[in-house]
Amino acid sequence: MDIGPPKRAAQEGVDHVRRERPRRRIRAAGLALVALLGLGLSFRWLHWQFNHVVLDDARVAADMIVLSSRVPGWVQNIPVTAGDSPREGDLLVQIDARESALAVEELNARISGIAARRAELEARLTMVDRQSASQHSAAIAKLDSARATLPAAQADRVFAEAELARAQGLIATGAGTRQRFEQLRAGMDTARQRVISAAAEIRNAEALMALALAAREEMLVIERQLESLAPQERELTATRDRAALDLADRTMRMPFNGTVDRLFVDPGEYVLAGQRILLVHSPAQVRIEANVKETDVRYFRPGTPVRVTVDAWPGRDFEGVVDRVVEATTSEFALLPSPNPSGNFTRITQRLPLRVQLRPAPPPGLLRPGMMVRVEAEARDPESPPR
């Protein structure tokens, strides 16, 4: 009877079972370790879910500046294009300025004419002042001389009349001669003429003085003409400044160090006043804007620290702080109101806009307006003490 093979098979089965037992233990330990690790990760995920609030409705924002033309005209040159980063003061758009330049030149010429007219009137005023002053002085001197001559002439006339009366008495008595009488009568006539001449000189001097005073009055006329030039000059200056402003507005320059996002016109087009031409923004002034549910707004008070992740930069976190929360929900800004005339009401959780400032600020150009981001904050009641 042969019993060898069954014994060997039984022995091999026992050895196989002995070899499988450590493997099973290792497998079980691995499965237990994986289960424990999964439980730990699940607990951490649940703990994070209950202790953090994530805002998916968030994006990078900036002040998008629309540059418009204040004046109408033909676009001559646009040296920039979308994507360029001009510096502050660089030329963006040049509008045809020939007519404005001619208007400024014309007004400058008219203002120069006002200045020449003022110089002419001032010179004439000086000349009239000197002439009238000299005429007045000469009239005073002549008047003084005539007034000094008149008493002497009157005294000579009185003396001549007395002499003539005595000579006439002597002739009546026969003691005087006819020749002497004629001489004295001629002297009396001469004395009277001298009195008349002295009086005429006085009136002439007074007339000259009145003429000098009239010349002084002409100075007042010239002064009024000078005063009338000031309003004309101010009016022309204001018109010139307006034309210069129109000329300056035809050259559009970059208001800050920024980026050109979009062009709305091409060279050769005619633009109207107020028509938008370029869209620019400052890469150094980006921020994060998000919409938070009204049920979570208590976790996003101003000053609350947050963590920001950007879809464009996976694995990179940005630190920030809540800058402000708008005091009205987004539904209040809708263009079309949503009345409820039927009476059916469905409660919908509203959202409030908020703004996050990154600290420190990212390098310019790293974050661009419109990029989608996530904002995370710790779900902690601000009234409770920090953990």
Protein backbone atom coordinates (compact mmCIF):
# COMPACT_ATOMS: atom_id res chain seq x y z
CA MET A 1 0.00 0.00 0.00
CA ASP A 2 1.48 3.38 -1.17
CA ILE A 3 0.81 6.36 1.19
CA GLY A 4 3.70 8.67 0.24
CA PRO A 5 2.03 11.28 -1.99
CA PRO A 6 -0.87 12.17 0.29
CA LYS A 7 1.53 12.91 3.12
CA ARG A 8 3.56 15.28 0.90
CA ALA A 9 0.42 17.11 -0.26
CA ALA A 10 -0.75 17.59 3.32
CA GLN A 11 2.65 18.92 4.27
CA GLU A 12 2.66 21.35 1.35
CA GLY A 13 -0.82 22.61 2.35
CA VAL A 14 0.37 23.26 5.87
CA ASP A 15 3.40 25.17 4.59
CA HIS A 16 1.22 27.22 2.26
CA VAL A 17 -1.10 28.19 5.11
CA ARG A 18 1.88 29.17 7.22
CA ARG A 19 3.20 31.40 4.44
CA GLU A 20 -0.18 33.10 3.81
CA ARG A 21 -0.75 34.08 7.42
CA PRO A 22 1.91 36.90 7.51
CA ARG A 23 0.69 38.22 4.20
CA ARG A 24 -2.85 38.38 5.45
CA ARG A 25 -1.72 40.18 8.56
CA ILE A 26 0.25 42.72 6.52
CA ARG A 27 -2.69 43.19 4.20
CA ALA A 28 -5.05 43.68 7.12
CA ALA A 29 -2.64 46.12 8.78
CA GLY A 30 -2.38 48.07 5.52
CA LEU A 31 -6.11 48.18 5.13
CA ALA A 32 -6.47 49.32 8.72
CA LEU A 33 -3.84 52.00 8.17
CA VAL A 34 -5.60 53.20 5.02
CA ALA A 35 -8.91 53.23 6.87
CA LEU A 36 -7.41 55.21 9.73
CA LEU A 37 -5.78 57.63 7.30
CA GLY A 38 -9.10 58.03 5.43
CA LEU A 39 -10.91 58.61 8.70
CA GLY A 40 -8.30 61.19 9.70
CA LEU A 41 -8.54 62.99 6.38
CA SER A 42 -12.31 62.81 6.48
CA PHE A 43 -12.33 64.25 9.99
CA ARG A 44 -9.95 67.00 8.94
CA TRP A 45 -12.08 67.76 5.88
CA LEU A 46 -15.25 67.84 7.97
CA HIS A 47 -13.54 70.00 10.58
CA TRP A 48 -12.35 72.39 7.84
CA GLN A 49 -15.82 72.47 6.28
CA PHE A 50 -17.44 73.38 9.58
CA ASN A 51 -14.81 75.94 10.56
CA HIS A 52 -14.18 77.76 7.26
CA VAL A 53 -16.26 79.64 4.76
CA VAL A 54 -15.28 79.65 1.08
CA LEU A 55 -16.48 82.23 -1.41
CA ASP A 56 -16.33 80.91 -4.96
CA ASP A 57 -18.08 83.94 -6.42
CA ALA A 58 -14.96 86.12 -6.30
CA ARG A 59 -12.65 87.64 -8.85
CA VAL A 60 -9.78 90.06 -9.28
CA ALA A 61 -10.99 93.62 -9.85
CA ALA A 62 -9.47 97.02 -10.55
CA ASP A 63 -10.63 100.52 -11.38
CA MET A 64 -11.22 100.29 -15.11
CA ILE A 65 -10.84 103.85 -16.40
CA VAL A 66 -12.63 104.75 -19.62
CA LEU A 67 -10.82 107.63 -21.30
CA SER A 68 -13.18 109.75 -23.37
CA SER A 69 -12.69 112.73 -25.61
CA ARG A 70 -13.89 116.13 -24.36
CA VAL A 71 -13.81 117.58 -27.87
CA PRO A 72 -14.86 116.31 -31.29
CA GLY A 73 -12.36 115.80 -34.07
CA TRP A 74 -10.47 113.44 -36.35
CA VAL A 75 -8.18 110.89 -34.66
CA GLN A 76 -4.72 111.40 -36.14
CA ASN A 77 -2.54 109.02 -34.14
CA ILE A 78 -2.87 106.24 -31.56
CA PRO A 79 0.66 105.06 -30.73
CA VAL A 80 -0.49 102.37 -28.23
CA THR A 81 -2.44 99.17 -28.57
CA ALA A 82 -4.21 96.77 -26.21
CA GLY A 83 -1.74 95.16 -23.81
CA ASP A 84 0.77 98.02 -23.80
CA SER A 85 1.92 99.45 -20.48
CA PRO A 86 2.54 103.18 -21.03
CA ARG A 87 4.01 105.34 -18.29
CA GLU A 88 2.33 108.37 -16.82
CA GLY A 89 2.33 111.22 -19.32
CA ASP A 90 2.89 109.05 -22.42
CA LEU A 91 0.87 109.93 -25.50
CA LEU A 92 -2.24 107.82 -25.99
CA VAL A 93 -4.35 109.60 -28.62
CA GLN A 94 -3.74 112.64 -30.80
CA ILE A 95 -6.82 114.40 -32.23
CA ASP A 96 -6.60 116.94 -35.06
CA ALA A 97 -5.64 120.25 -33.38
CA ARG A 98 -4.95 122.59 -36.30
CA GLU A 99 -8.06 124.73 -35.90
CA SER A 100 -7.57 125.04 -32.14
CA ALA A 101 -3.93 126.04 -32.61
CA LEU A 102 -4.96 128.79 -35.05
CA ALA A 103 -7.60 130.04 -32.62
CA VAL A 104 -5.02 130.25 -29.83
CA GLU A 105 -2.59 132.10 -32.11
CA GLU A 106 -5.29 134.58 -33.17
CA LEU A 107 -6.28 135.31 -29.58
CA ASN A 108 -2.64 135.74 -28.57
CA ALA A 109 -2.29 138.34 -31.34
CA ARG A 110 -5.38 140.19 -30.13
CA ILE A 111 -4.08 140.17 -26.58
CA SER A 112 -0.77 141.56 -27.86
CA GLY A 113 -2.76 144.31 -29.62
CA ILE A 114 -4.41 145.17 -26.32
CA ALA A 115 -0.97 145.43 -24.72
CA ALA A 116 0.23 147.72 -27.54
CA ARG A 117 -2.88 149.88 -27.19
CA ARG A 118 -2.27 150.16 -23.45
CA ALA A 119 1.34 151.21 -24.01
CA GLU A 120 0.15 153.84 -26.52
CA LEU A 121 -2.43 155.26 -24.12
CA GLU A 122 0.04 155.30 -21.26
CA ALA A 123 2.55 157.23 -23.41
CA ARG A 124 -0.17 159.64 -24.47
CA LEU A 125 -1.24 160.08 -20.87
CA THR A 126 2.31 160.94 -19.89
CA MET A 127 2.62 163.40 -22.75
CA VAL A 128 -0.70 165.11 -21.93
CA ASP A 129 0.25 165.23 -18.29
CA ARG A 130 3.50 166.99 -19.03
CA GLN A 131 1.98 169.36 -21.61
CA SER A 132 -0.96 170.30 -19.44
CA ALA A 133 1.33 170.79 -16.46
CA SER A 134 3.58 173.15 -18.43
CA GLN A 135 0.58 174.99 -19.90
CA HIS A 136 -0.93 175.37 -16.47
CA SER A 137 2.33 176.71 -15.07
CA ALA A 138 2.68 179.18 -17.96
CA ALA A 139 -0.94 180.31 -17.54
CA ILE A 140 -0.41 180.88 -13.82
CA ALA A 141 2.74 182.90 -14.48
CA LYS A 142 1.01 185.00 -17.14
CA LEU A 143 -1.99 185.54 -14.90
CA ASP A 144 0.23 186.65 -12.07
CA SER A 145 2.06 189.03 -14.40
CA ALA A 146 -1.20 190.48 -15.79
CA ARG A 147 -2.63 190.90 -12.33
CA ALA A 148 0.54 192.72 -11.26
CA THR A 149 0.39 195.02 -14.34
CA LEU A 150 -3.25 196.02 -13.95
CA PRO A 151 -2.92 198.12 -10.72
CA ALA A 152 0.02 200.08 -12.19
CA ALA A 153 -1.93 200.71 -15.39
CA GLN A 154 -4.95 201.84 -13.36
CA ALA A 155 -2.74 204.15 -11.28
CA ASP A 156 -1.23 205.69 -14.43
CA ARG A 157 -4.73 206.20 -15.83
CA VAL A 158 -5.89 207.96 -12.65
CA PHE A 159 -2.78 210.15 -12.66
CA ALA A 160 -3.26 210.97 -16.35
CA GLU A 161 -6.92 211.90 -15.78
CA ALA A 162 -5.93 214.19 -12.88
CA GLU A 163 -3.20 215.86 -14.95
CA LEU A 164 -5.61 216.37 -17.79
CA ALA A 165 -8.16 217.97 -15.48
CA ARG A 166 -5.56 220.43 -14.12
CA ALA A 167 -4.39 221.25 -17.63
CA GLN A 168 -7.97 221.92 -18.66
CA GLY A 169 -8.39 224.29 -15.67
CA LEU A 170 -5.21 226.15 -16.59
CA ILE A 171 -6.39 226.60 -20.13
CA ALA A 172 -9.61 228.10 -18.86
CA THR A 173 -7.62 230.71 -16.87
CA GLY A 174 -5.20 231.32 -19.73
CA ALA A 175 -2.23 229.95 -17.82
CA GLY A 176 -1.92 226.68 -19.75
CA THR A 177 -1.06 225.91 -23.35
CA ARG A 178 -3.04 223.96 -25.83
CA GLN A 179 -0.08 221.75 -26.65
CA ARG A 180 0.30 220.66 -23.04
CA PHE A 181 -3.37 219.82 -22.90
CA GLU A 182 -3.13 217.63 -26.02
CA GLN A 183 -0.11 215.80 -24.61
CA LEU A 184 -1.87 215.07 -21.33
CA ARG A 185 -4.99 213.89 -23.14
CA ALA A 186 -2.90 211.52 -25.26
CA GLY A 187 -1.21 210.22 -22.12
CA MET A 188 -4.60 209.64 -20.54
CA ASP A 189 -5.75 207.68 -23.59
CA THR A 190 -2.57 205.62 -23.43
CA ALA A 191 -3.12 204.90 -19.74
CA ARG A 192 -6.65 203.74 -20.41
CA GLN A 193 -5.44 201.43 -23.18
CA ARG A 194 -2.88 199.99 -20.85
CA VAL A 195 -5.63 199.24 -18.33
CA ILE A 196 -7.71 197.60 -21.03
CA SER A 197 -4.66 195.63 -22.20
CA ALA A 198 -3.84 194.47 -18.65
CA ALA A 199 -7.44 193.32 -18.17
CA ALA A 200 -7.29 191.49 -21.50
CA GLU A 201 -4.05 189.81 -20.44
CA ILE A 202 -5.75 188.62 -17.26
CA ARG A 203 -8.64 187.16 -19.24
CA ASN A 204 -6.20 185.57 -21.68
CA ALA A 205 -4.25 184.01 -18.83
CA GLU A 206 -7.46 182.73 -17.29
CA ALA A 207 -8.43 181.24 -20.67
CA LEU A 208 -5.03 179.52 -20.90
CA MET A 209 -5.51 178.15 -17.40
CA ALA A 210 -8.94 176.85 -18.37
CA LEU A 211 -7.35 175.24 -21.43
CA ALA A 212 -4.71 173.59 -19.24
CA LEU A 213 -7.44 172.32 -16.94
CA ALA A 214 -9.28 170.97 -19.98
CA ALA A 215 -6.11 169.13 -20.96
CA ARG A 216 -6.06 167.64 -17.47
CA GLU A 217 -9.62 166.49 -18.10
CA GLU A 218 -8.37 164.77 -21.25
CA MET A 219 -6.13 162.75 -18.98
CA LEU A 220 -9.24 161.43 -17.26
CA VAL A 221 -10.61 160.36 -20.65
CA ILE A 222 -7.37 158.50 -21.38
CA GLU A 223 -7.47 156.87 -17.97
CA ARG A 224 -11.02 155.67 -18.63
CA GLN A 225 -9.84 154.25 -21.95
CA LEU A 226 -7.05 152.44 -20.11
CA GLU A 227 -9.56 151.07 -17.63
CA SER A 228 -11.78 149.83 -20.46
CA LEU A 229 -8.86 147.79 -21.82
CA ALA A 230 -8.72 145.61 -18.69
CA PRO A 231 -12.13 143.94 -19.20
CA GLN A 232 -11.36 143.43 -22.87
CA GLU A 233 -8.05 141.83 -22.00
CA ARG A 234 -9.68 139.58 -19.39
CA GLU A 235 -12.32 138.53 -21.89
CA LEU A 236 -9.72 137.75 -24.54
CA THR A 237 -7.56 135.95 -22.00
CA ALA A 238 -10.49 133.79 -20.90
CA THR A 239 -11.32 133.02 -24.52
CA ARG A 240 -7.66 132.23 -25.20
CA ASP A 241 -7.49 129.94 -22.14
CA ARG A 242 -10.64 128.16 -23.33
CA ALA A 243 -9.10 127.69 -26.74
CA ALA A 244 -5.85 126.50 -25.13
CA LEU A 245 -7.87 124.02 -23.05
CA ASP A 246 -9.54 122.79 -26.22
CA LEU A 247 -6.09 122.45 -27.79
CA ALA A 248 -4.75 120.53 -24.78
CA ASP A 249 -7.77 118.22 -24.73
CA ARG A 250 -6.89 117.08 -28.24
CA THR A 251 -3.79 115.39 -26.83
CA MET A 252 -4.72 112.53 -24.50
CA ARG A 253 -1.97 111.24 -22.22
CA MET A 254 -1.74 108.40 -19.74
CA PRO A 255 -2.96 109.59 -16.32
CA PHE A 256 -0.90 107.01 -14.39
CA ASN A 257 1.44 104.07 -14.84
CA GLY A 258 -0.97 101.48 -16.16
CA THR A 259 -2.03 99.09 -18.88
CA VAL A 260 -4.15 99.64 -21.97
CA ASP A 261 -6.95 97.06 -21.94
CA ARG A 262 -8.94 97.98 -25.02
CA LEU A 263 -9.19 100.45 -27.89
CA PHE A 264 -12.58 101.52 -29.19
CA VAL A 265 -11.48 103.66 -32.17
CA ASP A 266 -8.86 103.56 -34.91
CA PRO A 267 -6.78 106.34 -36.48
CA GLY A 268 -8.78 108.27 -39.06
CA GLU A 269 -12.11 107.96 -37.28
CA TYR A 270 -14.14 110.98 -36.21
CA VAL A 271 -14.96 111.02 -32.51
CA LEU A 272 -17.60 113.05 -30.71
CA ALA A 273 -17.35 114.81 -27.37
CA GLY A 274 -17.78 112.23 -24.63
CA GLN A 275 -17.14 109.24 -26.86
CA ARG A 276 -15.01 106.58 -25.18
CA ILE A 277 -11.67 105.87 -26.79
CA LEU A 278 -9.56 103.70 -24.48
CA LEU A 279 -9.98 101.47 -21.44
CA VAL A 280 -7.04 101.43 -19.00
CA HIS A 281 -6.33 100.30 -15.45
CA SER A 282 -3.50 100.39 -12.93
CA PRO A 283 -1.97 96.93 -12.27
CA ALA A 284 -0.69 98.17 -8.92
CA GLN A 285 -4.23 98.91 -7.69
CA VAL A 286 -5.89 95.51 -8.02
CA ARG A 287 -8.21 94.12 -5.37
CA ILE A 288 -10.50 91.16 -4.77
CA GLU A 289 -14.26 91.54 -5.01
CA ALA A 290 -16.62 88.79 -3.88
CA ASN A 291 -20.27 88.22 -3.03
CA VAL A 292 -20.95 86.66 0.34
CA LYS A 293 -24.19 85.04 1.45
CA GLU A 294 -26.15 87.03 3.96
CA THR A 295 -25.99 84.02 6.29
CA ASP A 296 -22.16 84.16 6.23
CA VAL A 297 -21.63 87.91 6.25
CA ARG A 298 -20.94 87.87 9.99
CA TYR A 299 -17.67 86.05 9.25
CA PHE A 300 -16.48 88.80 6.91
CA ARG A 301 -16.37 91.93 9.00
CA PRO A 302 -13.93 94.69 7.94
CA GLY A 303 -10.48 93.78 9.17
CA THR A 304 -11.06 90.00 9.05
CA PRO A 305 -8.02 88.15 7.68
CA VAL A 306 -8.71 85.89 4.70
CA ARG A 307 -6.79 83.57 2.43
CA VAL A 308 -7.06 83.98 -1.33
CA THR A 309 -6.29 81.38 -3.97
CA VAL A 310 -6.22 82.21 -7.67
CA ASP A 311 -7.25 79.71 -10.34
CA ALA A 312 -4.46 80.99 -12.59
CA TRP A 313 -1.80 80.27 -9.94
CA PRO A 314 -2.57 76.86 -8.36
CA GLY A 315 -0.71 76.07 -5.19
CA ARG A 316 -0.03 79.71 -4.42
CA ASP A 317 -1.84 81.47 -1.57
CA PHE A 318 -2.30 85.19 -1.02
CA GLU A 319 -3.02 86.80 2.31
CA GLY A 320 -5.60 89.54 2.54
CA VAL A 321 -7.97 91.39 4.80
CA VAL A 322 -11.59 92.39 4.33
CA ASP A 323 -11.56 96.07 3.46
CA ARG A 324 -15.29 96.82 3.38
CA VAL A 325 -18.70 95.25 2.99
CA VAL A 326 -21.39 96.97 0.93
CA GLU A 327 -24.45 97.86 2.95
CA ALA A 328 -26.94 96.58 0.34
CA THR A 329 -27.45 93.24 -1.39
CA THR A 330 -26.77 92.72 -5.08
CA SER A 331 -30.51 92.38 -5.79
CA GLU A 332 -30.99 96.04 -4.84
CA PHE A 333 -28.80 97.04 -7.78
CA ALA A 334 -30.81 95.16 -10.38
CA LEU A 335 -31.93 97.23 -13.34
CA LEU A 336 -35.32 95.49 -13.39
CA PRO A 337 -37.16 95.22 -10.07
CA SER A 338 -38.73 91.92 -9.09
CA PRO A 339 -42.15 92.68 -7.62
CA ASN A 340 -44.35 89.91 -6.30
CA PRO A 341 -47.88 90.71 -7.48
CA SER A 342 -49.06 87.09 -7.34
CA GLY A 343 -48.34 86.69 -3.65
CA ASN A 344 -46.17 83.60 -4.17
CA PHE A 345 -42.98 83.99 -2.22
CA THR A 346 -39.78 82.00 -2.35
CA ARG A 347 -37.05 82.83 0.11
CA ILE A 348 -33.70 83.16 -1.63
CA THR A 349 -30.48 83.76 0.21
CA GLN A 350 -29.19 87.16 -0.83
CA ARG A 351 -25.57 88.12 -1.37
CA LEU A 352 -23.67 91.19 -0.32
CA PRO A 353 -20.62 92.52 -2.19
CA LEU A 354 -17.38 92.84 -0.27
CA ARG A 355 -13.87 93.97 -1.07
CA VAL A 356 -10.60 92.35 -0.02
CA GLN A 357 -7.23 94.06 -0.04
CA LEU A 358 -4.18 91.84 -0.50
CA ARG A 359 -1.40 92.35 2.04
CA PRO A 360 1.27 92.53 0.90
CA ALA A 361 0.21 93.72 -2.51
CA PRO A 362 1.13 91.31 -5.32
CA PRO A 363 3.65 92.34 -7.98
CA PRO A 364 2.04 94.46 -10.73
CA GLY A 365 0.76 92.30 -13.55
CA LEU A 366 0.58 89.06 -11.54
CA LEU A 367 -3.17 89.36 -10.93
CA ARG A 368 -5.30 90.72 -13.73
CA PRO A 369 -8.87 92.00 -13.58
CA GLY A 370 -11.44 89.29 -14.18
CA MET A 371 -9.38 86.33 -12.88
CA MET A 372 -11.43 83.92 -10.80
CA VAL A 373 -10.34 83.46 -7.19
CA ARG A 374 -11.53 81.83 -3.97
CA VAL A 375 -11.71 83.63 -0.67
CA GLU A 376 -11.48 81.60 2.53
CA ALA A 377 -12.18 82.87 6.03
CA GLU A 378 -12.43 81.18 9.39
CA ALA A 379 -16.06 80.56 10.35
CA ARG A 380 -15.77 82.21 13.72
CA ASP A 381 -18.27 84.53 15.31
CA PRO A 382 -16.53 87.89 15.68
CA GLU A 383 -18.05 88.29 19.14
CA SER A 384 -16.40 85.09 20.39
CA PRO A 385 -12.75 84.99 21.60
CA PRO A 386 -10.13 83.72 19.13
CA ARG A 387 -9.19 80.08 19.28
